[in-house]
């Protein structure tokens, strides 16, 4: 039995992106998943966010990368992956998260939870 990846239509991806951004406080669209990031930038973004939040919604874009890029561009004006949204607002990719962290602004930007 061969593994067949789940195929998502562009419409399904657009609906999912809209819903996930609207329904979650912190969302990371990434290559791979929380347990197994599939690119260094996604891994870096996840690590930066996890310093301050445990309740991050992650979305693996590898199921339909081109459709995700198109849907995300409507929200952020960018096609790059990873992308982070907080309270529906586009924050940036791993480079922006790193800059915010270096300036001591990332914790506040992501609404840092109480220490865990």
Protein backbone atom coordinates (compact mmCIF):
# COMPACT_ATOMS: atom_id res chain seq x y z
CA UNK A 1 0.00 0.00 0.00
CA UNK A 2 1.54 3.28 -1.13
CA UNK A 3 1.25 6.50 0.82
CA UNK A 4 -0.89 9.02 -1.03
CA UNK A 5 -0.59 12.56 0.32
CA UNK A 6 -3.82 14.40 0.95
CA UNK A 7 -4.60 16.73 -1.94
CA UNK A 8 -6.20 20.07 -1.14
CA UNK A 9 -7.85 22.28 -3.73
CA UNK A 10 -6.93 25.99 -3.87
CA UNK A 11 -10.43 26.80 -2.55
CA UNK A 12 -10.00 24.45 0.43
CA UNK A 13 -6.61 26.00 1.20
CA UNK A 14 -8.00 29.54 1.00
CA UNK A 15 -10.87 28.62 3.32
CA UNK A 16 -8.49 26.91 5.75
CA UNK A 17 -6.07 29.86 5.81
CA UNK A 18 -8.89 32.34 6.43
CA UNK A 19 -10.40 30.21 9.21
CA UNK A 20 -7.14 29.36 10.97
CA UNK A 21 -6.00 33.00 11.02
CA UNK A 22 -9.39 34.14 12.31
CA UNK A 23 -9.83 31.39 14.94
CA UNK A 24 -6.36 31.32 16.56
CA UNK A 25 -4.35 33.85 18.51
CA UNK A 26 -0.95 32.72 17.17
CA UNK A 27 -0.58 30.84 13.88
CA UNK A 28 2.58 29.64 12.14
CA UNK A 29 2.31 28.48 8.54
CA UNK A 30 5.38 26.31 8.08
CA UNK A 31 6.97 23.54 6.08
CA UNK A 32 6.46 20.40 8.11
CA UNK A 33 4.89 20.21 11.53
CA UNK A 34 5.69 20.96 15.13
CA UNK A 35 7.32 17.58 15.69
CA UNK A 36 9.24 17.54 12.40
CA UNK A 37 9.90 20.91 10.74
CA UNK A 38 11.00 20.38 7.13
CA UNK A 39 13.13 23.49 6.65
CA UNK A 40 15.54 25.49 8.76
CA UNK A 41 13.50 28.69 8.59
CA UNK A 42 10.36 26.95 9.81
CA UNK A 43 12.33 25.31 12.62
CA UNK A 44 13.82 28.67 13.63
CA UNK A 45 10.41 30.42 13.61
CA UNK A 46 8.86 27.65 15.70
CA UNK A 47 11.72 27.75 18.21
CA UNK A 48 11.47 31.52 18.61
CA UNK A 49 7.71 31.39 19.17
CA UNK A 50 7.93 28.43 21.58
CA UNK A 51 10.15 30.50 23.88
CA UNK A 52 7.07 32.52 24.77
CA UNK A 53 4.00 30.48 23.80
CA UNK A 54 3.03 26.82 23.94
CA UNK A 55 -0.37 27.24 22.29
CA UNK A 56 0.74 27.92 18.73
CA UNK A 57 -1.43 26.66 15.89
CA UNK A 58 0.83 25.29 13.17
CA UNK A 59 -0.20 24.55 9.59
CA UNK A 60 1.92 22.33 7.33
CA UNK A 61 1.91 23.96 3.91
CA UNK A 62 3.61 21.04 2.16
CA UNK A 63 0.22 19.46 1.36
CA UNK A 64 -0.37 22.18 -1.26
CA UNK A 65 2.55 24.61 -1.19
CA UNK A 66 1.58 26.71 -4.23
CA UNK A 67 -2.02 27.10 -3.07
CA UNK A 68 -0.84 28.10 0.43
CA UNK A 69 1.56 30.67 -1.00
CA UNK A 70 -1.26 32.21 -3.02
CA UNK A 71 -3.73 32.22 -0.10
CA UNK A 72 -1.16 33.65 2.33
CA UNK A 73 -0.16 36.39 -0.11
CA UNK A 74 -3.72 37.73 0.14
CA UNK A 75 -3.21 38.20 3.90
CA UNK A 76 0.41 39.30 4.06
CA UNK A 77 1.46 40.50 0.62
CA UNK A 78 4.21 37.86 0.71
CA UNK A 79 4.56 34.32 -0.61
CA UNK A 80 7.44 33.25 1.60
CA UNK A 81 7.16 30.43 4.14
CA UNK A 82 7.13 30.46 7.16
CA UNK A 83 4.59 33.13 8.05
CA UNK A 84 3.40 34.09 11.52
CA UNK A 85 0.09 35.75 12.36
CA UNK A 86 -0.92 37.08 15.79
CA UNK A 87 -4.53 38.08 16.39
CA UNK A 88 -5.09 38.05 12.62
CA UNK A 89 -2.17 40.38 11.92
CA UNK A 90 0.80 39.30 9.81
CA UNK A 91 3.98 39.55 11.88
CA UNK A 92 6.59 38.04 9.57
CA UNK A 93 8.82 35.08 8.89
CA UNK A 94 11.74 33.73 10.85
CA UNK A 95 13.93 36.76 10.07
CA UNK A 96 11.41 39.24 11.48
CA UNK A 97 10.74 37.04 14.52
CA UNK A 98 14.49 36.90 15.15
CA UNK A 99 14.80 40.69 14.92
CA UNK A 100 11.86 41.19 17.30
CA UNK A 101 13.42 38.72 19.74
CA UNK A 102 16.83 40.44 19.59
CA UNK A 103 15.13 43.77 20.42
CA UNK A 104 13.19 42.17 23.28
CA UNK A 105 9.83 42.76 21.55
CA UNK A 106 8.78 39.25 20.55
CA UNK A 107 7.31 38.21 23.92
CA UNK A 108 4.97 41.20 23.96
CA UNK A 109 4.12 40.82 20.26
CA UNK A 110 2.96 37.22 20.71
CA UNK A 111 1.17 37.95 24.00
CA UNK A 112 3.54 36.00 26.21
CA UNK A 113 1.79 33.58 28.51
CA UNK A 114 2.61 33.21 32.18
CA UNK A 115 5.81 31.23 32.78
CA UNK A 116 5.19 27.52 32.35
